[in-house]
Protein backbone atom coordinates (compact mmCIF):
# COMPACT_ATOMS: atom_id res chain seq x y z
CA MET A 1 -23.50 10.88 2.21
CA GLN A 2 -20.65 8.41 1.82
CA GLN A 3 -20.82 4.96 3.33
CA LEU A 4 -17.78 3.81 5.35
CA LEU A 5 -16.71 0.36 4.12
CA PHE A 6 -13.25 -0.18 5.61
CA GLN A 7 -10.83 1.62 7.92
CA LYS A 8 -7.45 0.48 9.22
CA LYS A 9 -3.91 1.62 9.93
CA ALA A 10 -1.77 1.55 6.81
CA LEU A 11 1.71 2.15 5.44
CA TRP A 12 2.22 3.45 1.92
CA ILE A 13 4.84 4.63 -0.52
CA HIS A 14 4.76 6.15 -4.01
CA ASP A 15 6.87 4.69 -6.81
CA TYR A 16 9.02 7.85 -7.02
CA GLU A 17 9.76 7.58 -3.28
CA ILE A 18 11.04 4.03 -3.80
CA HIS A 19 13.45 5.32 -6.45
CA GLN A 20 14.79 7.91 -3.99
CA ARG A 21 15.80 5.20 -1.48
CA SER A 22 19.27 3.67 -1.38
CA THR A 23 19.81 -0.01 -2.12
CA VAL A 24 20.38 -0.68 1.59
CA GLU A 25 17.10 1.04 2.52
CA ARG A 26 15.18 -0.80 -0.19
CA PHE A 27 16.54 -4.29 0.33
CA ALA A 28 19.12 -5.25 2.96
CA VAL A 29 17.69 -3.56 6.06
CA ARG A 30 14.16 -4.94 5.43
CA HIS A 31 15.14 -8.44 6.57
CA PHE A 32 15.97 -7.56 10.19
CA SER A 33 13.46 -8.11 13.00
CA GLY A 34 11.52 -5.05 14.06
CA VAL A 35 12.12 -3.18 10.80
CA PRO A 36 8.83 -2.10 9.20
CA PRO A 37 8.01 -2.77 5.54
CA LEU A 38 9.31 -0.45 2.84
CA ALA A 39 7.07 2.61 3.24
CA GLN A 40 7.31 6.38 3.49
CA HIS A 41 4.01 7.22 5.22
CA TYR A 42 2.08 5.77 8.16
CA GLY A 43 -1.50 6.66 8.93
CA ILE A 44 -5.12 5.68 8.47
CA LEU A 45 -6.68 4.24 5.31
CA THR A 46 -10.40 4.84 4.88
CA LEU A 47 -12.46 3.33 2.09
CA THR A 48 -15.95 4.61 1.33
CA ASP A 49 -18.30 3.73 -1.49
CA LYS A 50 -16.87 6.71 -3.43
CA GLU A 51 -13.20 7.16 -2.50
CA LEU A 52 -10.04 5.96 -0.83
CA LEU A 53 -8.47 8.30 1.74
CA LEU A 54 -4.99 8.05 3.22
CA GLU A 55 -4.30 10.35 6.15
CA ALA A 56 -0.93 10.77 7.86
CA GLU A 57 0.93 13.58 9.60
CA ASP A 58 3.11 14.15 6.53
CA GLU A 59 0.66 13.46 3.70
CA ASN A 60 -3.03 13.22 2.83
CA VAL A 61 -4.13 11.45 -0.35
CA GLY A 62 -7.66 11.27 -1.70
CA ILE A 63 -8.41 9.02 -4.69
CA THR A 64 -11.92 8.68 -6.06
CA LEU A 65 -12.73 5.13 -7.12
CA SER A 66 -13.22 6.32 -10.71
CA GLU A 67 -9.57 7.50 -10.77
CA ILE A 68 -8.22 4.00 -10.11
CA LYS A 69 -6.97 2.58 -13.41
CA GLN A 70 -5.36 -0.65 -12.19
CA LEU A 71 -5.42 -2.69 -9.00
CA TYR A 72 -2.71 -5.31 -8.38
CA HIS A 73 -1.85 -7.50 -5.38
CA GLY A 74 1.77 -8.65 -5.51
CA PHE A 75 5.33 -7.62 -6.16
CA ASP A 76 6.61 -5.89 -9.27
CA GLU A 77 9.76 -4.26 -10.66
CA TYR A 78 9.52 -1.32 -8.20
CA TYR A 79 8.39 -3.05 -5.01
CA SER A 80 10.09 -6.44 -5.29
CA SER A 81 9.94 -9.44 -2.96
CA ALA A 82 13.53 -8.60 -1.95
CA SER A 83 12.05 -5.47 -0.31
CA ALA A 84 9.98 -7.55 2.13
CA LYS A 85 10.92 -9.65 5.14
CA ASN A 86 11.05 -13.36 4.26
CA PHE A 87 10.87 -12.31 0.60
CA GLY A 88 7.13 -11.80 0.84
CA ALA A 89 6.20 -15.22 2.20
CA PHE A 90 3.51 -13.75 4.50
CA TRP A 91 2.25 -10.66 2.65
CA GLN A 92 2.41 -8.77 -0.63
CA PRO A 93 1.74 -5.07 -1.28
CA ILE A 94 -1.28 -3.70 -3.10
CA ARG A 95 -0.44 -1.46 -6.03
CA LEU A 96 -2.86 1.21 -7.22
CA ASN A 97 -2.30 2.92 -10.54
CA TYR A 98 -4.48 6.00 -10.75
CA THR A 99 -4.93 9.32 -12.56
CA GLY A 100 -2.17 9.68 -15.10
CA ASN A 101 0.82 7.55 -14.20
CA ALA A 102 0.57 7.77 -10.41
CA ARG A 103 1.52 4.53 -8.65
CA LEU A 104 0.98 3.87 -4.94
CA TYR A 105 1.83 0.80 -2.83
CA LEU A 106 -0.21 -0.09 0.26
CA ILE A 107 0.49 -2.28 3.28
CA ILE A 108 -2.68 -2.43 5.38
CA GLY A 109 -2.99 -3.55 8.99
CA TYR A 110 0.61 -4.79 9.26
CA ASN A 111 1.13 -6.55 12.61
CA GLY A 112 4.77 -7.54 12.27
CA ILE A 113 4.04 -10.70 10.25
CA TYR A 114 0.74 -10.48 8.39
CA THR A 115 -1.39 -7.78 6.75
CA ALA A 116 -5.03 -7.21 5.86
CA ASN A 117 -4.03 -6.71 2.20
CA GLY A 118 -5.89 -9.80 0.94
CA LYS A 119 -9.18 -8.77 2.54
CA PHE A 120 -8.86 -5.17 1.37
CA PHE A 121 -7.86 -6.20 -2.15
CA GLN A 122 -10.97 -8.37 -2.53
CA LEU A 123 -13.23 -5.61 -1.21
CA LEU A 124 -11.77 -2.96 -3.50
CA LYS A 125 -11.81 -5.34 -6.49
CA GLU A 126 -15.55 -5.95 -5.96
CA LEU A 127 -16.21 -2.21 -5.70
CA LEU A 128 -14.34 -1.48 -8.93
CA SER A 129 -16.03 -4.22 -10.97
């Protein structure tokens, strides 16, 4: 039986979905009040001692912890600080590289200003070490 470690509302987007967005969608519109972070999916993130589950109306993703190849908290060439309100002054995405070349960006517990990304990143980092 799996042990539930963390569960919260989350937004996420795959790297290929970022590439499909226009420049306006990726950058300019993100700086207006009330506009959510750059994301394609909205649902529930669940972390157990064995896997990470993302469940939304339009997508379900299951990643076993052993599939995660790299964990990164911050901006990069795909999800840049220009894609976040206030250029990322209050939060940064979590990037998961897993199985093959799959790349996923997470924004967890976004409340309009802050996220739970720091807390989740530390928890997942401890689990993977």
